[in-house]
N, C-alpha and C. Protein backbone atom coordinates (compact mmCIF):
# COMPACT_ATOMS: atom_id res chain seq x y z
N MET A 1 -4.84 -8.34 -291.00
CA MET A 1 -4.46 -9.74 -290.92
C MET A 1 -3.10 -9.85 -290.23
N VAL A 2 -2.98 -10.84 -289.36
CA VAL A 2 -1.76 -11.05 -288.59
C VAL A 2 -0.83 -11.96 -289.38
N ALA A 3 0.44 -11.58 -289.41
CA ALA A 3 1.44 -12.40 -290.12
C ALA A 3 1.64 -13.71 -289.37
N PRO A 4 1.88 -14.81 -290.08
CA PRO A 4 2.09 -16.10 -289.41
C PRO A 4 3.37 -16.07 -288.59
N PHE A 5 3.32 -16.75 -287.50
CA PHE A 5 4.45 -16.82 -286.58
C PHE A 5 5.01 -18.24 -286.65
N THR A 6 6.27 -18.37 -286.94
CA THR A 6 6.87 -19.70 -287.02
C THR A 6 8.03 -19.81 -286.04
N LEU A 7 8.22 -21.02 -285.58
CA LEU A 7 9.33 -21.33 -284.69
C LEU A 7 10.28 -22.28 -285.39
N PRO A 8 11.56 -22.18 -285.14
CA PRO A 8 12.49 -23.13 -285.76
C PRO A 8 12.22 -24.55 -285.26
N ALA A 9 12.39 -25.51 -286.14
CA ALA A 9 12.07 -26.90 -285.80
C ALA A 9 13.12 -27.52 -284.90
N LYS A 10 14.33 -26.95 -284.89
CA LYS A 10 15.40 -27.54 -284.09
C LYS A 10 15.76 -26.63 -282.92
N LEU A 11 16.17 -27.26 -281.85
CA LEU A 11 16.61 -26.51 -280.68
C LEU A 11 18.09 -26.13 -280.78
N LEU A 12 18.79 -26.76 -281.68
CA LEU A 12 20.24 -26.58 -281.75
C LEU A 12 20.60 -25.35 -282.57
N LEU A 13 21.59 -24.64 -282.10
CA LEU A 13 22.15 -23.55 -282.88
C LEU A 13 23.07 -24.14 -283.94
N GLN A 14 23.30 -23.41 -285.00
CA GLN A 14 24.17 -23.91 -286.06
C GLN A 14 25.57 -24.19 -285.54
N ASP A 15 26.05 -23.34 -284.63
CA ASP A 15 27.40 -23.54 -284.08
C ASP A 15 27.47 -24.77 -283.17
N MET A 16 26.33 -25.20 -282.67
CA MET A 16 26.32 -26.30 -281.71
C MET A 16 25.98 -27.64 -282.37
N CYS A 17 25.96 -27.69 -283.67
CA CYS A 17 25.55 -28.92 -284.36
C CYS A 17 26.46 -30.09 -284.03
N ARG A 18 27.69 -29.81 -283.74
CA ARG A 18 28.61 -30.88 -283.36
C ARG A 18 28.80 -30.88 -281.85
N GLN A 19 27.74 -31.13 -281.15
CA GLN A 19 27.82 -31.07 -279.70
C GLN A 19 28.56 -32.28 -279.15
N GLN A 20 29.28 -32.04 -278.08
CA GLN A 20 30.03 -33.09 -277.43
C GLN A 20 29.16 -33.80 -276.40
N SER A 21 28.31 -33.03 -275.72
CA SER A 21 27.44 -33.65 -274.73
C SER A 21 26.10 -32.93 -274.67
N CYS A 22 25.07 -33.70 -274.37
CA CYS A 22 23.71 -33.17 -274.20
C CYS A 22 23.18 -33.71 -272.88
N GLN A 23 22.62 -32.84 -272.09
CA GLN A 23 22.03 -33.23 -270.81
C GLN A 23 20.70 -32.53 -270.63
N LEU A 24 19.80 -33.18 -269.91
CA LEU A 24 18.55 -32.56 -269.50
C LEU A 24 18.65 -32.23 -268.02
N HIS A 25 18.23 -31.03 -267.65
CA HIS A 25 18.17 -30.60 -266.26
C HIS A 25 16.72 -30.25 -265.95
N HIS A 26 16.17 -30.88 -264.91
CA HIS A 26 14.78 -30.65 -264.53
C HIS A 26 14.75 -30.00 -263.15
N PHE A 27 14.07 -28.87 -263.05
CA PHE A 27 13.93 -28.14 -261.79
C PHE A 27 12.48 -28.25 -261.34
N ALA A 28 12.27 -28.72 -260.12
CA ALA A 28 10.92 -28.89 -259.59
C ALA A 28 10.77 -28.07 -258.32
N ASP A 29 9.60 -27.44 -258.16
CA ASP A 29 9.33 -26.65 -256.96
C ASP A 29 7.84 -26.59 -256.73
N ALA A 30 7.46 -26.26 -255.49
CA ALA A 30 6.04 -26.17 -255.14
C ALA A 30 5.84 -25.11 -254.07
N SER A 31 4.61 -24.64 -253.98
CA SER A 31 4.21 -23.70 -252.93
C SER A 31 2.78 -24.05 -252.54
N GLN A 32 2.19 -23.25 -251.67
CA GLN A 32 0.82 -23.53 -251.23
C GLN A 32 -0.19 -23.36 -252.35
N VAL A 33 0.12 -22.56 -253.36
CA VAL A 33 -0.85 -22.29 -254.42
C VAL A 33 -0.63 -23.15 -255.66
N GLY A 34 0.51 -23.80 -255.80
CA GLY A 34 0.74 -24.62 -256.97
C GLY A 34 2.12 -25.24 -257.00
N TYR A 35 2.38 -25.97 -258.07
CA TYR A 35 3.68 -26.59 -258.25
C TYR A 35 4.02 -26.58 -259.74
N GLY A 36 5.30 -26.75 -260.03
CA GLY A 36 5.70 -26.73 -261.43
C GLY A 36 7.11 -27.23 -261.63
N ILE A 37 7.44 -27.43 -262.90
CA ILE A 37 8.78 -27.86 -263.27
C ILE A 37 9.22 -27.07 -264.49
N ALA A 38 10.52 -26.98 -264.66
CA ALA A 38 11.12 -26.40 -265.85
C ALA A 38 12.23 -27.34 -266.30
N SER A 39 12.22 -27.71 -267.57
CA SER A 39 13.22 -28.62 -268.13
C SER A 39 14.11 -27.86 -269.11
N TYR A 40 15.39 -27.95 -268.88
CA TYR A 40 16.37 -27.26 -269.71
C TYR A 40 17.27 -28.28 -270.40
N LEU A 41 17.71 -27.93 -271.60
CA LEU A 41 18.66 -28.74 -272.34
C LEU A 41 20.01 -28.04 -272.28
N LYS A 42 21.03 -28.76 -271.87
CA LYS A 42 22.38 -28.22 -271.81
C LYS A 42 23.19 -28.88 -272.93
N LEU A 43 23.71 -28.06 -273.82
CA LEU A 43 24.54 -28.54 -274.92
C LEU A 43 25.95 -28.00 -274.74
N GLU A 44 26.92 -28.88 -274.90
CA GLU A 44 28.32 -28.46 -274.81
C GLU A 44 29.01 -28.88 -276.10
N SER A 45 29.65 -27.91 -276.74
CA SER A 45 30.32 -28.19 -278.01
C SER A 45 31.71 -28.75 -277.76
N ALA A 46 32.33 -29.23 -278.82
CA ALA A 46 33.69 -29.76 -278.72
C ALA A 46 34.69 -28.67 -278.37
N THR A 47 34.35 -27.41 -278.67
CA THR A 47 35.25 -26.29 -278.35
C THR A 47 35.06 -25.79 -276.93
N GLY A 48 34.10 -26.35 -276.20
CA GLY A 48 33.89 -25.96 -274.81
C GLY A 48 32.78 -24.95 -274.60
N GLU A 49 32.14 -24.52 -275.67
CA GLU A 49 31.02 -23.59 -275.53
C GLU A 49 29.83 -24.33 -274.92
N VAL A 50 29.13 -23.64 -274.02
CA VAL A 50 27.96 -24.23 -273.36
C VAL A 50 26.74 -23.39 -273.71
N TYR A 51 25.66 -24.08 -274.03
CA TYR A 51 24.41 -23.41 -274.39
C TYR A 51 23.27 -24.07 -273.63
N TYR A 52 22.44 -23.26 -273.00
CA TYR A 52 21.27 -23.75 -272.28
C TYR A 52 20.01 -23.23 -272.96
N THR A 53 19.00 -24.05 -273.02
CA THR A 53 17.71 -23.59 -273.55
C THR A 53 16.57 -24.28 -272.79
N LEU A 54 15.53 -23.50 -272.57
CA LEU A 54 14.33 -24.05 -271.94
C LEU A 54 13.62 -24.91 -272.97
N VAL A 55 13.38 -26.16 -272.62
CA VAL A 55 12.71 -27.09 -273.53
C VAL A 55 11.22 -27.12 -273.24
N MET A 56 10.88 -27.23 -271.96
CA MET A 56 9.46 -27.35 -271.61
C MET A 56 9.27 -27.00 -270.15
N GLY A 57 8.14 -26.42 -269.87
CA GLY A 57 7.75 -26.12 -268.50
C GLY A 57 6.33 -26.59 -268.27
N ARG A 58 6.02 -26.87 -267.05
CA ARG A 58 4.67 -27.29 -266.72
C ARG A 58 4.34 -26.80 -265.32
N SER A 59 3.15 -26.26 -265.17
CA SER A 59 2.73 -25.80 -263.84
C SER A 59 1.29 -26.24 -263.61
N ARG A 60 0.97 -26.41 -262.36
CA ARG A 60 -0.36 -26.82 -261.95
C ARG A 60 -0.77 -26.05 -260.70
N VAL A 61 -2.04 -25.78 -260.60
CA VAL A 61 -2.59 -25.17 -259.39
C VAL A 61 -2.75 -26.27 -258.35
N ALA A 62 -2.47 -25.94 -257.10
CA ALA A 62 -2.61 -26.93 -256.02
C ALA A 62 -4.07 -27.38 -255.93
N PRO A 63 -4.31 -28.63 -255.55
CA PRO A 63 -5.68 -29.13 -255.43
C PRO A 63 -6.47 -28.35 -254.38
N LEU A 64 -7.79 -28.35 -254.53
CA LEU A 64 -8.63 -27.66 -253.56
C LEU A 64 -8.54 -28.31 -252.18
N ILE A 65 -8.37 -29.62 -252.16
CA ILE A 65 -8.15 -30.31 -250.89
C ILE A 65 -6.74 -29.95 -250.42
N ARG A 66 -6.65 -29.41 -249.23
CA ARG A 66 -5.35 -28.94 -248.72
C ARG A 66 -4.35 -30.07 -248.67
N MET A 67 -3.17 -29.80 -249.24
CA MET A 67 -2.05 -30.75 -249.18
C MET A 67 -0.88 -30.04 -248.50
N THR A 68 -0.06 -30.83 -247.86
CA THR A 68 1.12 -30.25 -247.23
C THR A 68 2.15 -29.90 -248.30
N ILE A 69 3.03 -28.99 -247.97
CA ILE A 69 4.08 -28.58 -248.90
C ILE A 69 4.97 -29.77 -249.30
N PRO A 70 5.40 -30.63 -248.35
CA PRO A 70 6.21 -31.79 -248.77
C PRO A 70 5.51 -32.68 -249.80
N ARG A 71 4.20 -32.86 -249.67
CA ARG A 71 3.47 -33.67 -250.65
C ARG A 71 3.39 -32.97 -252.00
N LEU A 72 3.21 -31.66 -251.99
CA LEU A 72 3.21 -30.92 -253.25
C LEU A 72 4.60 -30.97 -253.90
N GLU A 73 5.64 -30.86 -253.10
CA GLU A 73 7.00 -30.97 -253.63
C GLU A 73 7.24 -32.35 -254.23
N LEU A 74 6.74 -33.38 -253.58
CA LEU A 74 6.88 -34.75 -254.08
C LEU A 74 6.12 -34.91 -255.41
N THR A 75 4.96 -34.30 -255.50
CA THR A 75 4.19 -34.33 -256.74
C THR A 75 4.95 -33.63 -257.86
N ALA A 76 5.57 -32.50 -257.56
CA ALA A 76 6.36 -31.79 -258.57
C ALA A 76 7.54 -32.65 -259.03
N ALA A 77 8.18 -33.35 -258.10
CA ALA A 77 9.30 -34.22 -258.47
C ALA A 77 8.83 -35.37 -259.36
N ALA A 78 7.64 -35.88 -259.12
CA ALA A 78 7.09 -36.94 -259.96
C ALA A 78 6.78 -36.42 -261.37
N VAL A 79 6.28 -35.20 -261.45
CA VAL A 79 6.02 -34.59 -262.77
C VAL A 79 7.34 -34.42 -263.52
N ALA A 80 8.40 -34.06 -262.82
CA ALA A 80 9.71 -33.91 -263.44
C ALA A 80 10.21 -35.26 -263.97
N ALA A 81 10.00 -36.33 -263.22
CA ALA A 81 10.42 -37.66 -263.67
C ALA A 81 9.63 -38.08 -264.92
N ARG A 82 8.34 -37.80 -264.94
CA ARG A 82 7.54 -38.11 -266.13
C ARG A 82 7.97 -37.27 -267.33
N MET A 83 8.28 -36.00 -267.07
CA MET A 83 8.72 -35.12 -268.15
C MET A 83 10.04 -35.60 -268.73
N ASP A 84 10.94 -36.09 -267.89
CA ASP A 84 12.20 -36.62 -268.38
C ASP A 84 11.97 -37.80 -269.30
N GLN A 85 11.09 -38.70 -268.91
CA GLN A 85 10.79 -39.86 -269.73
C GLN A 85 10.22 -39.43 -271.09
N LYS A 86 9.33 -38.46 -271.07
CA LYS A 86 8.71 -37.99 -272.30
C LYS A 86 9.74 -37.30 -273.21
N LEU A 87 10.56 -36.43 -272.64
CA LEU A 87 11.54 -35.70 -273.44
C LEU A 87 12.62 -36.62 -274.00
N CYS A 88 13.05 -37.60 -273.22
CA CYS A 88 14.06 -38.54 -273.71
C CYS A 88 13.55 -39.34 -274.90
N SER A 89 12.28 -39.66 -274.90
CA SER A 89 11.73 -40.43 -276.02
C SER A 89 11.43 -39.55 -277.24
N GLU A 90 11.15 -38.26 -277.02
CA GLU A 90 10.75 -37.38 -278.12
C GLU A 90 11.91 -36.62 -278.76
N LEU A 91 12.92 -36.28 -277.99
CA LEU A 91 14.04 -35.51 -278.54
C LEU A 91 14.92 -36.41 -279.39
N ASP A 92 15.31 -35.92 -280.52
CA ASP A 92 16.16 -36.67 -281.43
C ASP A 92 17.62 -36.33 -281.15
N LEU A 93 18.03 -36.57 -279.91
CA LEU A 93 19.39 -36.27 -279.48
C LEU A 93 19.93 -37.45 -278.69
N ARG A 94 21.24 -37.57 -278.67
CA ARG A 94 21.88 -38.59 -277.85
C ARG A 94 22.18 -37.94 -276.49
N LEU A 95 21.31 -38.21 -275.53
CA LEU A 95 21.43 -37.58 -274.22
C LEU A 95 22.33 -38.41 -273.32
N GLU A 96 23.24 -37.72 -272.63
CA GLU A 96 24.14 -38.41 -271.71
C GLU A 96 23.42 -38.83 -270.45
N LYS A 97 22.83 -37.86 -269.78
CA LYS A 97 22.13 -38.15 -268.52
C LYS A 97 21.15 -37.03 -268.23
N SER A 98 20.30 -37.30 -267.29
CA SER A 98 19.34 -36.30 -266.83
C SER A 98 19.62 -36.00 -265.37
N LEU A 99 19.54 -34.73 -265.02
CA LEU A 99 19.75 -34.30 -263.65
C LEU A 99 18.46 -33.69 -263.13
N PHE A 100 18.14 -33.98 -261.89
CA PHE A 100 16.93 -33.48 -261.26
C PHE A 100 17.32 -32.59 -260.09
N TRP A 101 16.65 -31.44 -260.01
CA TRP A 101 16.97 -30.45 -258.99
C TRP A 101 15.71 -30.13 -258.19
N THR A 102 15.85 -30.15 -256.87
CA THR A 102 14.77 -29.74 -255.98
C THR A 102 15.38 -29.10 -254.75
N ASP A 103 14.66 -28.18 -254.14
CA ASP A 103 15.15 -27.56 -252.91
C ASP A 103 14.46 -28.16 -251.68
N SER A 104 13.78 -29.26 -251.87
CA SER A 104 13.01 -29.87 -250.79
C SER A 104 13.80 -31.01 -250.15
N ALA A 105 14.18 -30.82 -248.90
CA ALA A 105 14.87 -31.88 -248.16
C ALA A 105 13.94 -33.05 -247.91
N SER A 106 12.66 -32.79 -247.75
CA SER A 106 11.71 -33.88 -247.48
C SER A 106 11.61 -34.84 -248.67
N VAL A 107 11.63 -34.31 -249.89
CA VAL A 107 11.58 -35.18 -251.07
C VAL A 107 12.82 -36.06 -251.12
N LEU A 108 13.98 -35.46 -250.86
CA LEU A 108 15.21 -36.24 -250.88
C LEU A 108 15.20 -37.33 -249.80
N LYS A 109 14.65 -37.01 -248.63
CA LYS A 109 14.55 -38.01 -247.56
C LYS A 109 13.60 -39.13 -247.94
N TYR A 110 12.47 -38.78 -248.57
CA TYR A 110 11.54 -39.80 -249.05
C TYR A 110 12.24 -40.76 -250.02
N LEU A 111 12.98 -40.19 -250.95
CA LEU A 111 13.57 -41.00 -252.02
C LEU A 111 14.71 -41.89 -251.56
N PHE A 112 15.49 -41.42 -250.60
CA PHE A 112 16.67 -42.17 -250.20
C PHE A 112 16.45 -43.03 -248.95
N ASN A 113 15.27 -42.99 -248.36
CA ASN A 113 14.98 -43.82 -247.20
C ASN A 113 14.41 -45.15 -247.70
N GLU A 114 15.16 -46.21 -247.52
CA GLU A 114 14.74 -47.54 -247.99
C GLU A 114 13.99 -48.33 -246.92
N LYS A 115 14.06 -47.90 -245.66
CA LYS A 115 13.49 -48.70 -244.58
C LYS A 115 12.08 -48.30 -244.18
N ALA A 116 11.73 -47.05 -244.36
CA ALA A 116 10.43 -46.56 -243.88
C ALA A 116 9.29 -47.06 -244.77
N ARG A 117 8.13 -47.23 -244.16
CA ARG A 117 6.92 -47.56 -244.90
C ARG A 117 6.05 -46.31 -244.90
N TYR A 118 5.72 -45.85 -246.09
CA TYR A 118 4.98 -44.61 -246.23
C TYR A 118 3.50 -44.87 -246.46
N GLN A 119 2.71 -43.81 -246.24
CA GLN A 119 1.30 -43.88 -246.59
C GLN A 119 1.18 -44.07 -248.09
N THR A 120 0.03 -44.50 -248.55
CA THR A 120 -0.16 -44.87 -249.96
C THR A 120 0.19 -43.73 -250.91
N PHE A 121 -0.25 -42.52 -250.62
CA PHE A 121 0.03 -41.37 -251.49
C PHE A 121 1.52 -41.20 -251.70
N VAL A 122 2.26 -41.13 -250.63
CA VAL A 122 3.71 -40.91 -250.69
C VAL A 122 4.40 -42.11 -251.33
N ALA A 123 4.00 -43.32 -250.94
CA ALA A 123 4.62 -44.53 -251.47
C ALA A 123 4.46 -44.62 -252.99
N ASN A 124 3.30 -44.28 -253.50
CA ASN A 124 3.08 -44.35 -254.94
C ASN A 124 3.97 -43.37 -255.70
N TRP A 125 4.06 -42.13 -255.22
CA TRP A 125 4.91 -41.15 -255.90
C TRP A 125 6.38 -41.52 -255.80
N VAL A 126 6.81 -41.99 -254.64
CA VAL A 126 8.21 -42.38 -254.45
C VAL A 126 8.57 -43.53 -255.40
N ASN A 127 7.69 -44.52 -255.50
CA ASN A 127 7.96 -45.64 -256.41
C ASN A 127 8.02 -45.19 -257.86
N LEU A 128 7.13 -44.28 -258.25
CA LEU A 128 7.15 -43.76 -259.62
C LEU A 128 8.45 -43.04 -259.91
N ILE A 129 8.88 -42.19 -259.00
CA ILE A 129 10.13 -41.44 -259.21
C ILE A 129 11.32 -42.39 -259.27
N ARG A 130 11.35 -43.38 -258.40
CA ARG A 130 12.46 -44.35 -258.41
C ARG A 130 12.50 -45.16 -259.71
N GLU A 131 11.35 -45.50 -260.25
CA GLU A 131 11.30 -46.26 -261.49
C GLU A 131 11.75 -45.44 -262.70
N LEU A 132 11.35 -44.17 -262.74
CA LEU A 132 11.59 -43.36 -263.93
C LEU A 132 12.92 -42.62 -263.94
N SER A 133 13.56 -42.46 -262.79
CA SER A 133 14.80 -41.68 -262.76
C SER A 133 15.93 -42.52 -262.14
N PRO A 134 17.12 -42.39 -262.71
CA PRO A 134 18.25 -43.11 -262.13
C PRO A 134 18.68 -42.47 -260.82
N MET A 135 18.95 -43.28 -259.84
CA MET A 135 19.36 -42.74 -258.54
C MET A 135 20.73 -43.26 -258.18
């Protein structure tokens, strides 16, 4: 018989119970075979100690219909925005802000270009990201 495996209910270390700041950092990336995100919680204590922990990750296989890398990167950024919304509502912490990280210049150009009219696929993801994340 296998012994039961339990996880602690809290993400906080005992030393970090009096945290000065809490932030979520979301990293999004994509390739030809799939895309994914990793969400980390950054805790900083009043004494200046910093602690990072992985809160949640999500990965998906790329669709069978070929998509370009910029579109997959945009999809990963949208998953990160949704994950931020979910974690902010579920975590019992006072979060200062959320930061989003991507290495895709095309995603950043999509998000910060206010004048261009995009195809439906791109426009829908861009609007979702703009609604869910502060820019």
